[in-house]
Every structure is written in structure tokens, then in C-alpha cells.
Protein backbone atom coordinates (compact mmCIF):
# COMPACT_ATOMS: atom_id res chain seq x y z
CA MET A 1 -58.50 -30.32 -82.35
CA ILE A 2 -58.87 -31.37 -78.72
CA ARG A 3 -61.77 -33.65 -79.66
CA ALA A 4 -59.65 -35.29 -82.35
CA ILE A 5 -56.81 -35.93 -79.89
CA ALA A 6 -59.25 -37.30 -77.30
CA PHE A 7 -60.83 -39.57 -79.94
CA VAL A 8 -57.47 -40.96 -81.04
CA ALA A 9 -56.40 -41.50 -77.42
CA ALA A 10 -59.66 -43.31 -76.64
CA MET A 11 -59.31 -45.52 -79.71
CA LEU A 12 -55.74 -46.47 -78.86
CA ALA A 13 -56.75 -47.39 -75.31
CA THR A 14 -59.41 -49.87 -76.45
CA PRO A 15 -58.65 -53.60 -76.62
CA ALA A 16 -59.36 -53.62 -80.38
CA PHE A 17 -55.74 -52.62 -80.94
CA ALA A 18 -54.32 -55.21 -78.54
CA GLN A 19 -52.96 -58.40 -80.02
CA ASP A 20 -52.71 -61.76 -78.29
CA ALA A 21 -49.20 -63.16 -78.48
CA ALA A 22 -47.82 -66.63 -77.86
CA ASN A 23 -44.32 -67.67 -76.90
CA ALA A 24 -42.29 -69.66 -79.39
CA ASN A 25 -39.60 -72.24 -78.73
CA GLY A 26 -37.03 -70.46 -80.87
CA ALA A 27 -36.29 -68.01 -83.66
CA ASP A 28 -34.49 -67.60 -86.94
CA LEU A 29 -32.12 -64.62 -86.94
CA ARG A 30 -29.86 -63.20 -89.63
CA LEU A 31 -26.46 -61.76 -88.92
CA LEU A 32 -24.47 -59.62 -91.35
CA ASP A 33 -20.73 -59.10 -91.04
CA LYS A 34 -20.43 -55.68 -92.68
CA ILE A 35 -16.70 -56.08 -93.33
CA SER A 36 -16.72 -59.46 -95.08
CA GLY A 37 -20.28 -59.22 -96.41
CA GLN A 38 -21.04 -62.68 -95.03
CA VAL A 39 -24.67 -63.31 -94.04
CA THR A 40 -25.32 -66.07 -91.50
CA THR A 41 -28.71 -67.52 -90.56
CA LEU A 42 -28.97 -68.52 -86.92
CA ASN A 43 -31.60 -70.99 -85.75
CA LEU A 44 -31.72 -70.58 -81.97
CA SER A 45 -33.89 -72.09 -79.28
CA VAL A 46 -34.89 -69.86 -76.37
CA GLY A 47 -31.92 -69.65 -74.00
CA ASP A 48 -29.37 -70.67 -76.65
CA ARG A 49 -26.41 -68.59 -77.67
CA ALA A 50 -24.48 -68.57 -80.92
CA THR A 51 -21.13 -67.05 -81.80
CA VAL A 52 -20.34 -65.70 -85.24
CA GLY A 53 -16.97 -64.03 -85.56
CA HIS A 54 -16.59 -61.75 -82.55
CA LEU A 55 -20.32 -61.46 -81.85
CA GLN A 56 -22.25 -63.66 -79.46
CA VAL A 57 -26.06 -63.57 -79.66
CA VAL A 58 -28.43 -64.92 -76.98
CA LEU A 59 -32.13 -65.49 -77.67
CA ASN A 60 -34.07 -64.75 -74.48
CA GLU A 61 -37.63 -64.94 -75.84
CA CYS A 62 -39.61 -64.95 -79.08
CA ARG A 63 -43.30 -64.02 -79.39
CA TYR A 64 -45.69 -64.09 -82.33
CA PRO A 65 -49.32 -63.07 -82.94
CA VAL A 66 -51.68 -65.96 -82.12
CA ASP A 67 -54.00 -65.21 -85.03
CA ASN A 68 -51.13 -64.90 -87.57
CA PRO A 69 -48.08 -66.98 -86.55
CA SER A 70 -46.18 -66.25 -89.75
CA GLY A 71 -47.12 -62.57 -89.72
CA ASP A 72 -44.56 -61.14 -87.36
CA ALA A 73 -41.97 -61.98 -84.72
CA PHE A 74 -40.88 -60.14 -81.59
CA ALA A 75 -37.58 -61.39 -80.20
CA GLU A 76 -35.73 -60.37 -77.06
CA LEU A 77 -32.00 -60.59 -77.73
CA THR A 78 -28.76 -59.90 -75.96
CA ALA A 79 -25.58 -59.47 -78.04
CA TYR A 80 -22.01 -59.30 -76.78
CA TYR A 81 -18.94 -58.24 -78.74
CA ASN A 82 -15.52 -59.75 -78.03
CA ASN A 83 -16.73 -61.41 -74.80
CA GLN A 84 -17.14 -58.04 -73.09
CA ALA A 85 -19.28 -57.95 -69.95
CA ASP A 86 -21.54 -55.15 -71.21
CA PRO A 87 -23.80 -56.10 -74.11
CA VAL A 88 -23.78 -54.11 -77.34
CA PHE A 89 -27.52 -54.83 -77.60
CA ASP A 90 -30.09 -55.87 -75.02
CA GLY A 91 -33.73 -55.53 -75.96
CA TRP A 92 -36.58 -56.43 -78.29
CA MET A 93 -36.39 -56.60 -82.08
CA ILE A 94 -39.42 -56.72 -84.36
CA ALA A 95 -39.19 -58.65 -87.62
CA SER A 96 -41.52 -56.33 -89.53
CA ALA A 97 -39.71 -53.19 -88.34
CA PRO A 98 -35.99 -53.99 -87.91
CA ALA A 99 -34.95 -50.33 -87.81
CA LEU A 100 -37.29 -49.59 -84.91
CA SER A 101 -34.95 -51.21 -82.40
CA ALA A 102 -31.76 -51.95 -84.30
CA MET A 103 -28.44 -53.05 -82.94
CA GLU A 104 -26.02 -50.24 -83.68
CA HIS A 105 -22.61 -51.76 -84.21
CA PRO A 106 -19.88 -50.77 -86.68
CA ARG A 107 -19.21 -54.35 -87.84
CA TYR A 108 -22.31 -56.49 -87.23
CA ASP A 109 -26.01 -56.23 -87.97
CA VAL A 110 -28.60 -58.64 -86.54
CA TRP A 111 -32.29 -58.89 -87.35
CA VAL A 112 -35.17 -61.25 -86.60
CA VAL A 113 -36.65 -63.29 -89.45
CA ARG A 114 -39.34 -65.31 -87.68
CA CYS A 115 -40.29 -67.26 -84.58
CA ILE A 116 -40.13 -71.04 -84.74
CA THR A 117 -43.62 -72.17 -83.80
CA SER A 118 -43.41 -75.95 -84.19
């Protein structure tokens, strides 16, 4: 058992599992208003902010795997509700695993679709 744990730890520490990432100029995001059912696609450049209803979303950064640009997207977002000073979400979202770091809000849901690479 200890050998198996040591083997797994050694394998995870090797660079074979590391992935080179590049920064994108922007990202496509989707926003769902859970009350109205309206889905909005946001096309944001890094540093831009968009307001939909009472939610304001800021795209801070978007990264993608160099060897597979359309394979995944990692976006750092900040979301504010009703112009409050404290964000309702501030962190990274992963397109292939939206539930891993989801924005928990009773009215709005936001997820990353892809990075804009060109």
C-alpha cells in the first residue's frame, strides 16, 4: 500500500503531467438567468466587463493548452451582483469541469465556453 502511494505521488510530481498553457486575448462565457431562463453569450476581451441584468462579470485572464487550443479553457473571473463591493465570485473556472469551481448564486450561473485564440 505504501509503495502504491509513493508510486502515484512520484508519477504526479513528474513533468509528464504538466501542461504548457498560453494566454488568450479573450473568452466566450455563457450566463444563465435562472429566473427568466434567458441564456446570454458574452464575448469578452481580457480586462473587459459586461453587465447582464444585475450581474457584472470581469474577465481577468484566459489560458488554454498550447498543444490543444480548442481542448479546454481556464478563465479567471470576477463577478459582482448589484454593484456591491464584494464579489459573488472571484477565481478560476475550467470549461471542461464547470462544477469544479462554480459560481454559487441563487439567480445567475456563469460558465466558460472557450478562450479566444485569434
